[in-house]
Amino acid sequence: GPRRARIAFSDSAAKQLENLTTEAEIHAL
């Protein structure tokens, strides 16, 4: 199939990721 796009995070998005604490939040994202 077609190649999947690479995912990168801006600095502000990376900081938001640090605040994810539950497995449910991580799984949803």
PDB file of all heavy atoms in Angstrom:
ATOM      1  N   GLY A   1       0.833  -1.194   0.000  1.00  0.00           N
ATOM      2  CA  GLY A   1       0.000   0.000   0.000  1.00  0.00           C
ATOM      3  C   GLY A   1       0.864   1.239   0.000  1.00  0.00           C
ATOM      4  O   GLY A   1       2.093   1.172   0.037  1.00  0.00           O
ATOM      5  N   PRO A   2       0.227   2.395  -0.017  1.00  0.00           N
ATOM      6  CA  PRO A   2       0.985   3.637   0.003  1.00  0.00           C
ATOM      7  C   PRO A   2       1.769   3.781   1.307  1.00  0.00           C
ATOM      8  O   PRO A   2       1.372   3.270   2.348  1.00  0.00           O
ATOM      9  CB  PRO A   2      -0.084   4.722  -0.119  1.00  0.00           C
ATOM     10  CG  PRO A   2      -1.371   4.058   0.187  1.00  0.00           C
ATOM     11  CD  PRO A   2      -1.201   2.601  -0.036  1.00  0.00           C
ATOM     12  N   ARG A   3       2.879   4.459   1.214  1.00  0.00           N
ATOM     13  CA  ARG A   3       3.745   4.681   2.380  1.00  0.00           C
ATOM     14  C   ARG A   3       3.039   5.591   3.380  1.00  0.00           C
ATOM     15  O   ARG A   3       2.427   6.585   3.023  1.00  0.00           O
ATOM     16  CB  ARG A   3       5.045   5.336   1.906  1.00  0.00           C
ATOM     17  CG  ARG A   3       6.053   5.593   2.990  1.00  0.00           C
ATOM     18  CD  ARG A   3       7.313   6.182   2.414  1.00  0.00           C
ATOM     19  NE  ARG A   3       7.144   7.518   1.938  1.00  0.00           N
ATOM     20  CZ  ARG A   3       7.354   8.619   2.672  1.00  0.00           C
ATOM     21  NH1 ARG A   3       7.727   8.513   3.925  1.00  0.00           N
ATOM     22  NH2 ARG A   3       7.196   9.809   2.161  1.00  0.00           N
ATOM     23  N   ARG A   4       3.117   5.219   4.648  1.00  0.00           N
ATOM     24  CA  ARG A   4       2.537   6.059   5.695  1.00  0.00           C
ATOM     25  C   ARG A   4       3.382   7.314   5.867  1.00  0.00           C
ATOM     26  O   ARG A   4       4.599   7.285   5.695  1.00  0.00           O
ATOM     27  CB  ARG A   4       2.487   5.300   7.008  1.00  0.00           C
ATOM     28  CG  ARG A   4       1.436   4.223   7.009  1.00  0.00           C
ATOM     29  CD  ARG A   4       1.463   3.382   8.238  1.00  0.00           C
ATOM     30  NE  ARG A   4       1.321   4.163   9.458  1.00  0.00           N
ATOM     31  CZ  ARG A   4       1.258   3.626  10.659  1.00  0.00           C
ATOM     32  NH1 ARG A   4       1.323   2.331  10.815  1.00  0.00           N
ATOM     33  NH2 ARG A   4       1.138   4.380  11.723  1.00  0.00           N
ATOM     34  N   ALA A   5       2.726   8.395   6.231  1.00  0.00           N
ATOM     35  CA  ALA A   5       3.434   9.647   6.486  1.00  0.00           C
ATOM     36  C   ALA A   5       4.173   9.548   7.819  1.00  0.00           C
ATOM     37  O   ALA A   5       3.735   8.863   8.745  1.00  0.00           O
ATOM     38  CB  ALA A   5       2.447  10.811   6.517  1.00  0.00           C
ATOM     39  N   ARG A   6       5.283  10.222   7.894  1.00  0.00           N
ATOM     40  CA  ARG A   6       6.055  10.316   9.136  1.00  0.00           C
ATOM     41  C   ARG A   6       5.375  11.339  10.037  1.00  0.00           C
ATOM     42  O   ARG A   6       4.893  12.365   9.567  1.00  0.00           O
ATOM     43  CB  ARG A   6       7.475  10.760   8.800  1.00  0.00           C
ATOM     44  CG  ARG A   6       8.376  10.862   9.985  1.00  0.00           C
ATOM     45  CD  ARG A   6       9.809  11.195   9.529  1.00  0.00           C
ATOM     46  NE  ARG A   6      10.564  11.645  10.652  1.00  0.00           N
ATOM     47  CZ  ARG A   6      10.772  12.913  10.969  1.00  0.00           C
ATOM     48  NH1 ARG A   6      10.313  13.864  10.205  1.00  0.00           N
ATOM     49  NH2 ARG A   6      11.456  13.238  12.040  1.00  0.00           N
ATOM     50  N   ILE A   7       5.330  11.084  11.347  1.00  0.00           N
ATOM     51  CA  ILE A   7       4.722  11.997  12.308  1.00  0.00           C
ATOM     52  C   ILE A   7       5.828  12.686  13.096  1.00  0.00           C
ATOM     53  O   ILE A   7       6.754  12.034  13.584  1.00  0.00           O
ATOM     54  CB  ILE A   7       3.794  11.256  13.289  1.00  0.00           C
ATOM     55  CG1 ILE A   7       2.664  10.535  12.560  1.00  0.00           C
ATOM     56  CG2 ILE A   7       3.254  12.202  14.353  1.00  0.00           C
ATOM     57  CD1 ILE A   7       1.587  11.418  12.006  1.00  0.00           C
ATOM     58  N   ALA A   8       5.742  14.005  13.224  1.00  0.00           N
ATOM     59  CA  ALA A   8       6.667  14.785  14.048  1.00  0.00           C
ATOM     60  C   ALA A   8       5.826  15.726  14.910  1.00  0.00           C
ATOM     61  O   ALA A   8       4.667  15.997  14.594  1.00  0.00           O
ATOM     62  CB  ALA A   8       7.624  15.584  13.161  1.00  0.00           C
ATOM     63  N   PHE A   9       6.405  16.211  15.993  1.00  0.00           N
ATOM     64  CA  PHE A   9       5.675  17.084  16.905  1.00  0.00           C
ATOM     65  C   PHE A   9       6.382  18.432  17.031  1.00  0.00           C
ATOM     66  O   PHE A   9       7.607  18.476  17.160  1.00  0.00           O
ATOM     67  CB  PHE A   9       5.585  16.438  18.297  1.00  0.00           C
ATOM     68  CG  PHE A   9       4.755  15.193  18.311  1.00  0.00           C
ATOM     69  CD1 PHE A   9       5.335  13.950  18.110  1.00  0.00           C
ATOM     70  CD2 PHE A   9       3.391  15.258  18.511  1.00  0.00           C
ATOM     71  CE1 PHE A   9       4.576  12.800  18.102  1.00  0.00           C
ATOM     72  CE2 PHE A   9       2.621  14.108  18.509  1.00  0.00           C
ATOM     73  CZ  PHE A   9       3.215  12.881  18.305  1.00  0.00           C
ATOM     74  N   SER A  10       5.596  19.502  17.015  1.00  0.00           N
ATOM     75  CA  SER A  10       6.157  20.821  17.291  1.00  0.00           C
ATOM     76  C   SER A  10       6.539  20.851  18.768  1.00  0.00           C
ATOM     77  O   SER A  10       6.134  19.980  19.551  1.00  0.00           O
ATOM     78  CB  SER A  10       5.129  21.916  16.989  1.00  0.00           C
ATOM     79  OG  SER A  10       4.060  21.844  17.932  1.00  0.00           O
ATOM     80  N   ASP A  11       7.311  21.846  19.174  1.00  0.00           N
ATOM     81  CA  ASP A  11       7.717  21.948  20.581  1.00  0.00           C
ATOM     82  C   ASP A  11       6.507  22.053  21.503  1.00  0.00           C
ATOM     83  O   ASP A  11       6.462  21.418  22.554  1.00  0.00           O
ATOM     84  CB  ASP A  11       8.641  23.144  20.795  1.00  0.00           C
ATOM     85  CG  ASP A  11      10.011  22.948  20.168  1.00  0.00           C
ATOM     86  OD1 ASP A  11      10.366  21.780  19.884  1.00  0.00           O
ATOM     87  OD2 ASP A  11      10.711  23.953  19.945  1.00  0.00           O
ATOM     88  N   SER A  12       5.508  22.850  21.116  1.00  0.00           N
ATOM     89  CA  SER A  12       4.330  23.018  21.975  1.00  0.00           C
ATOM     90  C   SER A  12       3.528  21.724  22.075  1.00  0.00           C
ATOM     91  O   SER A  12       3.012  21.384  23.138  1.00  0.00           O
ATOM     92  CB  SER A  12       3.450  24.166  21.483  1.00  0.00           C
ATOM     93  OG  SER A  12       2.961  23.891  20.187  1.00  0.00           O
ATOM     94  N   ALA A  13       3.433  20.974  20.986  1.00  0.00           N
ATOM     95  CA  ALA A  13       2.722  19.695  21.026  1.00  0.00           C
ATOM     96  C   ALA A  13       3.486  18.691  21.884  1.00  0.00           C
ATOM     97  O   ALA A  13       2.884  17.916  22.630  1.00  0.00           O
ATOM     98  CB  ALA A  13       2.518  19.155  19.622  1.00  0.00           C
ATOM     99  N   ALA A  14       4.811  18.706  21.797  1.00  0.00           N
ATOM    100  CA  ALA A  14       5.617  17.791  22.614  1.00  0.00           C
ATOM    101  C   ALA A  14       5.409  18.075  24.099  1.00  0.00           C
ATOM    102  O   ALA A  14       5.331  17.149  24.913  1.00  0.00           O
ATOM    103  CB  ALA A  14       7.092  17.918  22.240  1.00  0.00           C
ATOM    104  N   LYS A  15       5.282  19.343  24.461  1.00  0.00           N
ATOM    105  CA  LYS A  15       5.030  19.690  25.862  1.00  0.00           C
ATOM    106  C   LYS A  15       3.658  19.195  26.305  1.00  0.00           C
ATOM    107  O   LYS A  15       3.482  18.746  27.433  1.00  0.00           O
ATOM    108  CB  LYS A  15       5.158  21.194  26.069  1.00  0.00           C
ATOM    109  CG  LYS A  15       6.586  21.650  26.013  1.00  0.00           C
ATOM    110  CD  LYS A  15       6.725  23.113  26.268  1.00  0.00           C
ATOM    111  CE  LYS A  15       8.175  23.448  26.001  1.00  0.00           C
ATOM    112  NZ  LYS A  15       8.705  24.512  26.728  1.00  0.00           N
ATOM    113  N   GLN A  16       2.667  19.264  25.402  1.00  0.00           N
ATOM    114  CA  GLN A  16       1.347  18.739  25.726  1.00  0.00           C
ATOM    115  C   GLN A  16       1.409  17.229  25.951  1.00  0.00           C
ATOM    116  O   GLN A  16       0.711  16.696  26.812  1.00  0.00           O
ATOM    117  CB  GLN A  16       0.350  19.053  24.615  1.00  0.00           C
ATOM    118  CG  GLN A  16      -0.036  20.512  24.540  1.00  0.00           C
ATOM    119  CD  GLN A  16      -1.052  20.753  23.440  1.00  0.00           C
ATOM    120  OE1 GLN A  16      -1.870  19.905  23.138  1.00  0.00           O
ATOM    121  NE2 GLN A  16      -0.979  21.923  22.840  1.00  0.00           N
ATOM    122  N   LEU A  17       2.238  16.546  25.182  1.00  0.00           N
ATOM    123  CA  LEU A  17       2.368  15.094  25.333  1.00  0.00           C
ATOM    124  C   LEU A  17       2.900  14.716  26.709  1.00  0.00           C
ATOM    125  O   LEU A  17       2.543  13.674  27.255  1.00  0.00           O
ATOM    126  CB  LEU A  17       3.288  14.525  24.260  1.00  0.00           C
ATOM    127  CG  LEU A  17       2.737  14.518  22.847  1.00  0.00           C
ATOM    128  CD1 LEU A  17       3.790  14.013  21.871  1.00  0.00           C
ATOM    129  CD2 LEU A  17       1.482  13.682  22.751  1.00  0.00           C
ATOM    130  N   GLU A  18       3.747  15.563  27.266  1.00  0.00           N
ATOM    131  CA  GLU A  18       4.300  15.287  28.587  1.00  0.00           C
ATOM    132  C   GLU A  18       3.205  15.252  29.643  1.00  0.00           C
ATOM    133  O   GLU A  18       3.359  14.626  30.682  1.00  0.00           O
ATOM    134  CB  GLU A  18       5.340  16.340  28.954  1.00  0.00           C
ATOM    135  CG  GLU A  18       6.603  16.274  28.120  1.00  0.00           C
ATOM    136  CD  GLU A  18       7.550  17.422  28.388  1.00  0.00           C
ATOM    137  OE1 GLU A  18       7.274  18.252  29.291  1.00  0.00           O
ATOM    138  OE2 GLU A  18       8.570  17.496  27.690  1.00  0.00           O
ATOM    139  N   ASN A  19       2.077  15.929  29.383  1.00  0.00           N
ATOM    140  CA  ASN A  19       0.987  15.987  30.347  1.00  0.00           C
ATOM    141  C   ASN A  19       0.017  14.814  30.239  1.00  0.00           C
ATOM    142  O   ASN A  19      -0.888  14.700  31.055  1.00  0.00           O
ATOM    143  CB  ASN A  19       0.215  17.307  30.196  1.00  0.00           C
ATOM    144  CG  ASN A  19       1.077  18.501  30.555  1.00  0.00           C
ATOM    145  OD1 ASN A  19       1.919  18.417  31.442  1.00  0.00           O
ATOM    146  ND2 ASN A  19       0.877  19.597  29.860  1.00  0.00           N
ATOM    147  N   LEU A  20       0.181  13.971  29.223  1.00  0.00           N
ATOM    148  CA  LEU A  20      -0.667  12.784  29.118  1.00  0.00           C
ATOM    149  C   LEU A  20      -0.212  11.782  30.172  1.00  0.00           C
ATOM    150  O   LEU A  20       0.955  11.413  30.221  1.00  0.00           O
ATOM    151  CB  LEU A  20      -0.574  12.163  27.725  1.00  0.00           C
ATOM    152  CG  LEU A  20      -1.035  13.026  26.558  1.00  0.00           C
ATOM    153  CD1 LEU A  20      -0.922  12.240  25.261  1.00  0.00           C
ATOM    154  CD2 LEU A  20      -2.448  13.525  26.750  1.00  0.00           C
ATOM    155  N   THR A  21      -1.125  11.367  31.017  1.00  0.00           N
ATOM    156  CA  THR A  21      -0.718  10.512  32.130  1.00  0.00           C
ATOM    157  C   THR A  21      -1.364   9.135  32.113  1.00  0.00           C
ATOM    158  O   THR A  21      -0.808   8.207  32.687  1.00  0.00           O
ATOM    159  CB  THR A  21      -1.054  11.196  33.466  1.00  0.00           C
ATOM    160  OG1 THR A  21      -2.454  11.484  33.501  1.00  0.00           O
ATOM    161  CG2 THR A  21      -0.254  12.479  33.632  1.00  0.00           C
ATOM    162  N   THR A  22      -2.503   8.987  31.460  1.00  0.00           N
ATOM    163  CA  THR A  22      -3.163   7.686  31.500  1.00  0.00           C
ATOM    164  C   THR A  22      -2.950   6.938  30.188  1.00  0.00           C
ATOM    165  O   THR A  22      -2.742   7.544  29.138  1.00  0.00           O
ATOM    166  CB  THR A  22      -4.676   7.828  31.734  1.00  0.00           C
ATOM    167  OG1 THR A  22      -5.278   8.420  30.584  1.00  0.00           O
ATOM    168  CG2 THR A  22      -4.966   8.671  32.972  1.00  0.00           C
ATOM    169  N   GLU A  23      -3.027   5.628  30.293  1.00  0.00           N
ATOM    170  CA  GLU A  23      -2.906   4.814  29.080  1.00  0.00           C
ATOM    171  C   GLU A  23      -4.052   5.092  28.127  1.00  0.00           C
ATOM    172  O   GLU A  23      -3.877   5.024  26.915  1.00  0.00           O
ATOM    173  CB  GLU A  23      -2.843   3.331  29.438  1.00  0.00           C
ATOM    174  CG  GLU A  23      -1.474   2.901  29.910  1.00  0.00           C
ATOM    175  CD  GLU A  23      -1.328   1.393  29.897  1.00  0.00           C
ATOM    176  OE1 GLU A  23      -1.771   0.743  28.934  1.00  0.00           O
ATOM    177  OE2 GLU A  23      -0.759   0.890  30.868  1.00  0.00           O
ATOM    178  N   ALA A  24      -5.222   5.401  28.662  1.00  0.00           N
ATOM    179  CA  ALA A  24      -6.379   5.693  27.812  1.00  0.00           C
ATOM    180  C   ALA A  24      -6.125   6.929  26.958  1.00  0.00           C
ATOM    181  O   ALA A  24      -6.459   6.942  25.766  1.00  0.00           O
ATOM    182  CB  ALA A  24      -7.634   5.884  28.660  1.00  0.00           C
ATOM    183  N   GLU A  25      -5.526   7.973  27.529  1.00  0.00           N
ATOM    184  CA  GLU A  25      -5.211   9.179  26.771  1.00  0.00           C
ATOM    185  C   GLU A  25      -4.177   8.884  25.688  1.00  0.00           C
ATOM    186  O   GLU A  25      -4.315   9.334  24.548  1.00  0.00           O
ATOM    187  CB  GLU A  25      -4.670  10.280  27.696  1.00  0.00           C
ATOM    188  CG  GLU A  25      -5.677  10.856  28.636  1.00  0.00           C
ATOM    189  CD  GLU A  25      -5.057  11.831  29.615  1.00  0.00           C
ATOM    190  OE1 GLU A  25      -3.890  11.651  30.018  1.00  0.00           O
ATOM    191  OE2 GLU A  25      -5.756  12.786  29.989  1.00  0.00           O
ATOM    192  N   ILE A  26      -3.157   8.140  26.038  1.00  0.00           N
ATOM    193  CA  ILE A  26      -2.101   7.805  25.077  1.00  0.00           C
ATOM    194  C   ILE A  26      -2.664   6.942  23.954  1.00  0.00           C
ATOM    195  O   ILE A  26      -2.384   7.166  22.771  1.00  0.00           O
ATOM    196  CB  ILE A  26      -0.919   7.121  25.791  1.00  0.00           C
ATOM    197  CG1 ILE A  26      -0.258   8.120  26.750  1.00  0.00           C
ATOM    198  CG2 ILE A  26       0.089   6.570  24.797  1.00  0.00           C
ATOM    199  CD1 ILE A  26       0.710   7.503  27.728  1.00  0.00           C
ATOM    200  N   HIS A  27      -3.497   5.974  24.299  1.00  0.00           N
ATOM    201  CA  HIS A  27      -4.111   5.103  23.302  1.00  0.00           C
ATOM    202  C   HIS A  27      -5.005   5.904  22.353  1.00  0.00           C
ATOM    203  O   HIS A  27      -4.965   5.705  21.135  1.00  0.00           O
ATOM    204  CB  HIS A  27      -4.925   4.009  23.999  1.00  0.00           C
ATOM    205  CG  HIS A  27      -5.641   3.110  23.060  1.00  0.00           C
ATOM    206  ND1 HIS A  27      -4.999   2.145  22.318  1.00  0.00           N
ATOM    207  CD2 HIS A  27      -6.955   3.047  22.713  1.00  0.00           C
ATOM    208  CE1 HIS A  27      -5.891   1.517  21.564  1.00  0.00           C
ATOM    209  NE2 HIS A  27      -7.069   2.048  21.785  1.00  0.00           N
ATOM    210  N   ALA A  28      -5.794   6.825  22.902  1.00  0.00           N
ATOM    211  CA  ALA A  28      -6.695   7.647  22.084  1.00  0.00           C
ATOM    212  C   ALA A  28      -5.899   8.478  21.085  1.00  0.00           C
ATOM    213  O   ALA A  28      -6.246   8.546  19.901  1.00  0.00           O
ATOM    214  CB  ALA A  28      -7.550   8.540  22.980  1.00  0.00           C
ATOM    215  N   LEU A  29      -4.833   9.115  21.534  1.00  0.00           N
ATOM    216  CA  LEU A  29      -4.009   9.921  20.640  1.00  0.00           C
ATOM    217  C   LEU A  29      -3.311   9.037  19.609  1.00  0.00           C
ATOM    218  O   LEU A  29      -3.258   9.388  18.422  1.00  0.00           O
ATOM    219  CB  LEU A  29      -2.984  10.726  21.430  1.00  0.00           C
ATOM    220  CG  LEU A  29      -2.065  11.608  20.583  1.00  0.00           C
ATOM    221  CD1 LEU A  29      -2.855  12.609  19.760  1.00  0.00           C
ATOM    222  CD2 LEU A  29      -1.057  12.314  21.467  1.00  0.00           C
TER     223      LEU A  29
END
